[in-house]
Amino acid sequence: AHNETTGALGNGTWWWDTKTGQSFY
């Protein structure tokens, strides 16, 4: 759901692509 999203969590901001590469999950 959060693939290619920019967001602030904890104490910093990141860009990420969380969808790609989840084969173990």
PDB file of all heavy atoms in Angstrom:
ATOM      1  N   ALA A   1       0.811  -1.216   0.000  1.00  0.00           N
ATOM      2  CA  ALA A   1       0.000   0.000   0.000  1.00  0.00           C
ATOM      3  C   ALA A   1       0.842   1.262   0.000  1.00  0.00           C
ATOM      4  O   ALA A   1       0.374   2.330  -0.421  1.00  0.00           O
ATOM      5  CB  ALA A   1      -0.946   0.000   1.198  1.00  0.00           C
ATOM      6  N   HIS A   2       2.076   1.149   0.488  1.00  0.00           N
ATOM      7  CA  HIS A   2       2.923   2.335   0.603  1.00  0.00           C
ATOM      8  C   HIS A   2       4.071   2.296  -0.396  1.00  0.00           C
ATOM      9  O   HIS A   2       5.144   2.867  -0.158  1.00  0.00           O
ATOM     10  CB  HIS A   2       3.454   2.468   2.036  1.00  0.00           C
ATOM     11  CG  HIS A   2       2.385   2.792   3.016  1.00  0.00           C
ATOM     12  ND1 HIS A   2       1.509   1.854   3.513  1.00  0.00           N
ATOM     13  CD2 HIS A   2       2.007   3.976   3.570  1.00  0.00           C
ATOM     14  CE1 HIS A   2       0.662   2.427   4.333  1.00  0.00           C
ATOM     15  NE2 HIS A   2       0.933   3.709   4.396  1.00  0.00           N
ATOM     16  N   ASN A   3       3.853   1.659  -1.497  1.00  0.00           N
ATOM     17  CA  ASN A   3       4.857   1.601  -2.546  1.00  0.00           C
ATOM     18  C   ASN A   3       5.139   2.996  -3.087  1.00  0.00           C
ATOM     19  O   ASN A   3       4.223   3.767  -3.366  1.00  0.00           O
ATOM     20  CB  ASN A   3       4.353   0.697  -3.676  1.00  0.00           C
ATOM     21  CG  ASN A   3       5.383   0.526  -4.773  1.00  0.00           C
ATOM     22  OD1 ASN A   3       6.565   0.471  -4.502  1.00  0.00           O
ATOM     23  ND2 ASN A   3       4.910   0.444  -6.003  1.00  0.00           N
ATOM     24  N   GLU A   4       6.435   3.313  -3.186  1.00  0.00           N
ATOM     25  CA  GLU A   4       6.875   4.592  -3.736  1.00  0.00           C
ATOM     26  C   GLU A   4       6.169   5.765  -3.066  1.00  0.00           C
ATOM     27  O   GLU A   4       5.430   6.520  -3.678  1.00  0.00           O
ATOM     28  CB  GLU A   4       6.672   4.635  -5.249  1.00  0.00           C
ATOM     29  CG  GLU A   4       7.511   3.594  -5.975  1.00  0.00           C
ATOM     30  CD  GLU A   4       7.488   3.772  -7.473  1.00  0.00           C
ATOM     31  OE1 GLU A   4       7.000   4.818  -7.933  1.00  0.00           O
ATOM     32  OE2 GLU A   4       7.972   2.880  -8.171  1.00  0.00           O
ATOM     33  N   THR A   5       6.436   5.893  -1.786  1.00  0.00           N
ATOM     34  CA  THR A   5       5.796   6.926  -0.975  1.00  0.00           C
ATOM     35  C   THR A   5       6.852   7.738  -0.248  1.00  0.00           C
ATOM     36  O   THR A   5       7.869   7.209   0.162  1.00  0.00           O
ATOM     37  CB  THR A   5       4.855   6.290   0.065  1.00  0.00           C
ATOM     38  OG1 THR A   5       3.937   5.440  -0.623  1.00  0.00           O
ATOM     39  CG2 THR A   5       4.079   7.340   0.824  1.00  0.00           C
ATOM     40  N   THR A   6       6.609   8.999  -0.086  1.00  0.00           N
ATOM     41  CA  THR A   6       7.457   9.815   0.762  1.00  0.00           C
ATOM     42  C   THR A   6       6.706  10.070   2.059  1.00  0.00           C
ATOM     43  O   THR A   6       5.533  10.419   2.040  1.00  0.00           O
ATOM     44  CB  THR A   6       7.795  11.163   0.094  1.00  0.00           C
ATOM     45  OG1 THR A   6       8.450  10.896  -1.143  1.00  0.00           O
ATOM     46  CG2 THR A   6       8.713  11.984   0.987  1.00  0.00           C
ATOM     47  N   GLY A   7       7.391   9.902   3.181  1.00  0.00           N
ATOM     48  CA  GLY A   7       6.695  10.110   4.438  1.00  0.00           C
ATOM     49  C   GLY A   7       7.640  10.353   5.579  1.00  0.00           C
ATOM     50  O   GLY A   7       8.838  10.118   5.466  1.00  0.00           O
ATOM     51  N   ALA A   8       7.103  10.852   6.663  1.00  0.00           N
ATOM     52  CA  ALA A   8       7.882  11.086   7.875  1.00  0.00           C
ATOM     53  C   ALA A   8       7.408  10.128   8.947  1.00  0.00           C
ATOM     54  O   ALA A   8       6.225  10.095   9.271  1.00  0.00           O
ATOM     55  CB  ALA A   8       7.729  12.522   8.356  1.00  0.00           C
ATOM     56  N   LEU A   9       8.320   9.315   9.454  1.00  0.00           N
ATOM     57  CA  LEU A   9       8.017   8.395  10.540  1.00  0.00           C
ATOM     58  C   LEU A   9       9.145   8.483  11.545  1.00  0.00           C
ATOM     59  O   LEU A   9      10.305   8.631  11.170  1.00  0.00           O
ATOM     60  CB  LEU A   9       7.899   6.952  10.026  1.00  0.00           C
ATOM     61  CG  LEU A   9       6.702   6.634   9.119  1.00  0.00           C
ATOM     62  CD1 LEU A   9       6.880   5.264   8.503  1.00  0.00           C
ATOM     63  CD2 LEU A   9       5.414   6.675   9.926  1.00  0.00           C
ATOM     64  N   GLY A  10       8.826   8.349  12.813  1.00  0.00           N
ATOM     65  CA  GLY A  10       9.883   8.432  13.820  1.00  0.00           C
ATOM     66  C   GLY A  10      10.473   9.825  13.813  1.00  0.00           C
ATOM     67  O   GLY A  10       9.780  10.820  13.972  1.00  0.00           O
ATOM     68  N   ASN A  11      11.779   9.934  13.542  1.00  0.00           N
ATOM     69  CA  ASN A  11      12.406  11.265  13.592  1.00  0.00           C
ATOM     70  C   ASN A  11      13.121  11.598  12.282  1.00  0.00           C
ATOM     71  O   ASN A  11      14.138  12.251  12.257  1.00  0.00           O
ATOM     72  CB  ASN A  11      13.384  11.351  14.760  1.00  0.00           C
ATOM     73  CG  ASN A  11      14.584  10.437  14.568  1.00  0.00           C
ATOM     74  OD1 ASN A  11      14.588   9.594  13.678  1.00  0.00           O
ATOM     75  ND2 ASN A  11      15.594  10.612  15.393  1.00  0.00           N
ATOM     76  N   GLY A  12      12.586  11.131  11.159  1.00  0.00           N
ATOM     77  CA  GLY A  12      13.224  11.456   9.894  1.00  0.00           C
ATOM     78  C   GLY A  12      12.298  11.232   8.722  1.00  0.00           C
ATOM     79  O   GLY A  12      11.183  10.729   8.872  1.00  0.00           O
ATOM     80  N   THR A  13      12.751  11.610   7.528  1.00  0.00           N
ATOM     81  CA  THR A  13      11.959  11.469   6.316  1.00  0.00           C
ATOM     82  C   THR A  13      12.720  10.600   5.330  1.00  0.00           C
ATOM     83  O   THR A  13      13.918  10.768   5.137  1.00  0.00           O
ATOM     84  CB  THR A  13      11.678  12.847   5.687  1.00  0.00           C
ATOM     85  OG1 THR A  13      11.000  13.650   6.644  1.00  0.00           O
ATOM     86  CG2 THR A  13      10.817  12.708   4.442  1.00  0.00           C
ATOM     87  N   TRP A  14      11.998   9.678   4.694  1.00  0.00           N
ATOM     88  CA  TRP A  14      12.636   8.772   3.737  1.00  0.00           C
ATOM     89  C   TRP A  14      11.785   8.664   2.484  1.00  0.00           C
ATOM     90  O   TRP A  14      10.561   8.829   2.523  1.00  0.00           O
ATOM     91  CB  TRP A  14      12.785   7.361   4.326  1.00  0.00           C
ATOM     92  CG  TRP A  14      13.687   7.292   5.499  1.00  0.00           C
ATOM     93  CD1 TRP A  14      15.015   6.971   5.501  1.00  0.00           C
ATOM     94  CD2 TRP A  14      13.353   7.535   6.860  1.00  0.00           C
ATOM     95  NE1 TRP A  14      15.515   7.005   6.775  1.00  0.00           N
ATOM     96  CE2 TRP A  14      14.513   7.347   7.628  1.00  0.00           C
ATOM     97  CE3 TRP A  14      12.173   7.892   7.514  1.00  0.00           C
ATOM     98  CZ2 TRP A  14      14.538   7.496   9.006  1.00  0.00           C
ATOM     99  CZ3 TRP A  14      12.197   8.046   8.882  1.00  0.00           C
ATOM    100  CH2 TRP A  14      13.362   7.851   9.613  1.00  0.00           C
ATOM    101  N   TRP A  15      12.450   8.338   1.384  1.00  0.00           N
ATOM    102  CA  TRP A  15      11.723   7.866   0.209  1.00  0.00           C
ATOM    103  C   TRP A  15      11.975   6.392   0.123  1.00  0.00           C
ATOM    104  O   TRP A  15      13.074   5.924   0.393  1.00  0.00           O
ATOM    105  CB  TRP A  15      12.251   8.530  -1.066  1.00  0.00           C
ATOM    106  CG  TRP A  15      11.589   7.936  -2.283  1.00  0.00           C
ATOM    107  CD1 TRP A  15      10.428   8.363  -2.848  1.00  0.00           C
ATOM    108  CD2 TRP A  15      12.010   6.801  -3.031  1.00  0.00           C
ATOM    109  NE1 TRP A  15      10.091   7.575  -3.905  1.00  0.00           N
ATOM    110  CE2 TRP A  15      11.054   6.589  -4.046  1.00  0.00           C
ATOM    111  CE3 TRP A  15      13.069   5.921  -2.963  1.00  0.00           C
ATOM    112  CZ2 TRP A  15      11.146   5.567  -4.978  1.00  0.00           C
ATOM    113  CZ3 TRP A  15      13.173   4.892  -3.876  1.00  0.00           C
ATOM    114  CH2 TRP A  15      12.218   4.727  -4.872  1.00  0.00           C
ATOM    115  N   TRP A  16      10.952   5.626  -0.233  1.00  0.00           N
ATOM    116  CA  TRP A  16      11.175   4.200  -0.334  1.00  0.00           C
ATOM    117  C   TRP A  16      10.269   3.558  -1.381  1.00  0.00           C
ATOM    118  O   TRP A  16       9.232   4.087  -1.748  1.00  0.00           O
ATOM    119  CB  TRP A  16      10.972   3.518   1.005  1.00  0.00           C
ATOM    120  CG  TRP A  16       9.571   3.529   1.534  1.00  0.00           C
ATOM    121  CD1 TRP A  16       8.591   2.617   1.312  1.00  0.00           C
ATOM    122  CD2 TRP A  16       9.008   4.511   2.396  1.00  0.00           C
ATOM    123  NE1 TRP A  16       7.453   2.951   1.977  1.00  0.00           N
ATOM    124  CE2 TRP A  16       7.672   4.113   2.648  1.00  0.00           C
ATOM    125  CE3 TRP A  16       9.481   5.680   2.977  1.00  0.00           C
ATOM    126  CZ2 TRP A  16       6.821   4.854   3.454  1.00  0.00           C
ATOM    127  CZ3 TRP A  16       8.634   6.405   3.771  1.00  0.00           C
ATOM    128  CH2 TRP A  16       7.334   5.993   4.008  1.00  0.00           C
ATOM    129  N   ASP A  17      10.699   2.404  -1.827  1.00  0.00           N
ATOM    130  CA  ASP A  17       9.874   1.546  -2.668  1.00  0.00           C
ATOM    131  C   ASP A  17       9.752   0.246  -1.895  1.00  0.00           C
ATOM    132  O   ASP A  17      10.654  -0.572  -1.874  1.00  0.00           O
ATOM    133  CB  ASP A  17      10.558   1.321  -4.023  1.00  0.00           C
ATOM    134  CG  ASP A  17       9.780   0.368  -4.918  1.00  0.00           C
ATOM    135  OD1 ASP A  17       8.891  -0.325  -4.409  1.00  0.00           O
ATOM    136  OD2 ASP A  17      10.096   0.310  -6.118  1.00  0.00           O
ATOM    137  N   THR A  18       8.648   0.059  -1.204  1.00  0.00           N
ATOM    138  CA  THR A  18       8.510  -1.099  -0.323  1.00  0.00           C
ATOM    139  C   THR A  18       7.916  -2.305  -1.022  1.00  0.00           C
ATOM    140  O   THR A  18       7.879  -3.386  -0.465  1.00  0.00           O
ATOM    141  CB  THR A  18       7.616  -0.741   0.878  1.00  0.00           C
ATOM    142  OG1 THR A  18       6.374  -0.254   0.397  1.00  0.00           O
ATOM    143  CG2 THR A  18       8.274   0.285   1.758  1.00  0.00           C
ATOM    144  N   LYS A  19       7.397  -2.130  -2.228  1.00  0.00           N
ATOM    145  CA  LYS A  19       6.690  -3.230  -2.871  1.00  0.00           C
ATOM    146  C   LYS A  19       7.642  -4.229  -3.508  1.00  0.00           C
ATOM    147  O   LYS A  19       7.442  -5.433  -3.431  1.00  0.00           O
ATOM    148  CB  LYS A  19       5.728  -2.693  -3.920  1.00  0.00           C
ATOM    149  CG  LYS A  19       4.848  -3.784  -4.545  1.00  0.00           C
ATOM    150  CD  LYS A  19       3.812  -3.177  -5.461  1.00  0.00           C
ATOM    151  CE  LYS A  19       2.899  -4.248  -6.041  1.00  0.00           C
ATOM    152  NZ  LYS A  19       1.879  -3.680  -6.942  1.00  0.00           N
ATOM    153  N   THR A  20       8.669  -3.724  -4.172  1.00  0.00           N
ATOM    154  CA  THR A  20       9.568  -4.599  -4.902  1.00  0.00           C
ATOM    155  C   THR A  20      10.367  -5.464  -3.948  1.00  0.00           C
ATOM    156  O   THR A  20      10.848  -5.005  -2.936  1.00  0.00           O
ATOM    157  CB  THR A  20      10.542  -3.750  -5.742  1.00  0.00           C
ATOM    158  OG1 THR A  20       9.816  -2.720  -6.372  1.00  0.00           O
ATOM    159  CG2 THR A  20      11.250  -4.597  -6.766  1.00  0.00           C
ATOM    160  N   GLY A  21      10.536  -6.712  -4.268  1.00  0.00           N
ATOM    161  CA  GLY A  21      11.407  -7.583  -3.484  1.00  0.00           C
ATOM    162  C   GLY A  21      10.818  -8.020  -2.173  1.00  0.00           C
ATOM    163  O   GLY A  21      11.392  -7.731  -1.125  1.00  0.00           O
ATOM    164  N   GLN A  22       9.669  -8.718  -2.189  1.00  0.00           N
ATOM    165  CA  GLN A  22       9.054  -9.232  -0.967  1.00  0.00           C
ATOM    166  C   GLN A  22       8.904 -10.740  -1.022  1.00  0.00           C
ATOM    167  O   GLN A  22       8.012 -11.301  -0.371  1.00  0.00           O
ATOM    168  CB  GLN A  22       7.669  -8.616  -0.741  1.00  0.00           C
ATOM    169  CG  GLN A  22       7.697  -7.319   0.004  1.00  0.00           C
ATOM    170  CD  GLN A  22       6.357  -6.940   0.610  1.00  0.00           C
ATOM    171  OE1 GLN A  22       6.321  -6.358   1.680  1.00  0.00           O
ATOM    172  NE2 GLN A  22       5.262  -7.237  -0.043  1.00  0.00           N
ATOM    173  N   SER A  23       9.754 -11.419  -1.761  1.00  0.00           N
ATOM    174  CA  SER A  23       9.546 -12.845  -2.007  1.00  0.00           C
ATOM    175  C   SER A  23       9.596 -13.672  -0.722  1.00  0.00           C
ATOM    176  O   SER A  23       8.847 -14.643  -0.571  1.00  0.00           O
ATOM    177  CB  SER A  23      10.570 -13.374  -3.007  1.00  0.00           C
ATOM    178  OG  SER A  23      11.895 -13.159  -2.541  1.00  0.00           O
ATOM    179  N   PHE A  24      10.474 -13.296   0.221  1.00  0.00           N
ATOM    180  CA  PHE A  24      10.562 -14.045   1.483  1.00  0.00           C
ATOM    181  C   PHE A  24       9.306 -13.808   2.322  1.00  0.00           C
ATOM    182  O   PHE A  24       8.713 -14.731   2.884  1.00  0.00           O
ATOM    183  CB  PHE A  24      11.815 -13.631   2.249  1.00  0.00           C
ATOM    184  CG  PHE A  24      12.387 -14.698   3.150  1.00  0.00           C
ATOM    185  CD1 PHE A  24      13.750 -14.758   3.390  1.00  0.00           C
ATOM    186  CD2 PHE A  24      11.581 -15.644   3.762  1.00  0.00           C
ATOM    187  CE1 PHE A  24      14.301 -15.733   4.223  1.00  0.00           C
ATOM    188  CE2 PHE A  24      12.113 -16.621   4.594  1.00  0.00           C
ATOM    189  CZ  PHE A  24      13.471 -16.664   4.829  1.00  0.00           C
ATOM    190  N   TYR A  25       8.892 -12.544   2.416  1.00  0.00           N
ATOM    191  CA  TYR A  25       7.646 -12.238   3.111  1.00  0.00           C
ATOM    192  C   TYR A  25       6.489 -13.036   2.515  1.00  0.00           C
ATOM    193  O   TYR A  25       5.682 -13.640   3.231  1.00  0.00           O
ATOM    194  CB  TYR A  25       7.331 -10.747   3.005  1.00  0.00           C
ATOM    195  CG  TYR A  25       7.936  -9.854   4.066  1.00  0.00           C
ATOM    196  CD1 TYR A  25       8.995 -10.284   4.859  1.00  0.00           C
ATOM    197  CD2 TYR A  25       7.445  -8.569   4.267  1.00  0.00           C
ATOM    198  CE1 TYR A  25       9.543  -9.452   5.815  1.00  0.00           C
ATOM    199  CE2 TYR A  25       7.984  -7.723   5.221  1.00  0.00           C
ATOM    200  CZ  TYR A  25       9.039  -8.176   5.996  1.00  0.00           C
ATOM    201  OH  TYR A  25       9.580  -7.343   6.948  1.00  0.00           O
TER     202      TYR A  25
END
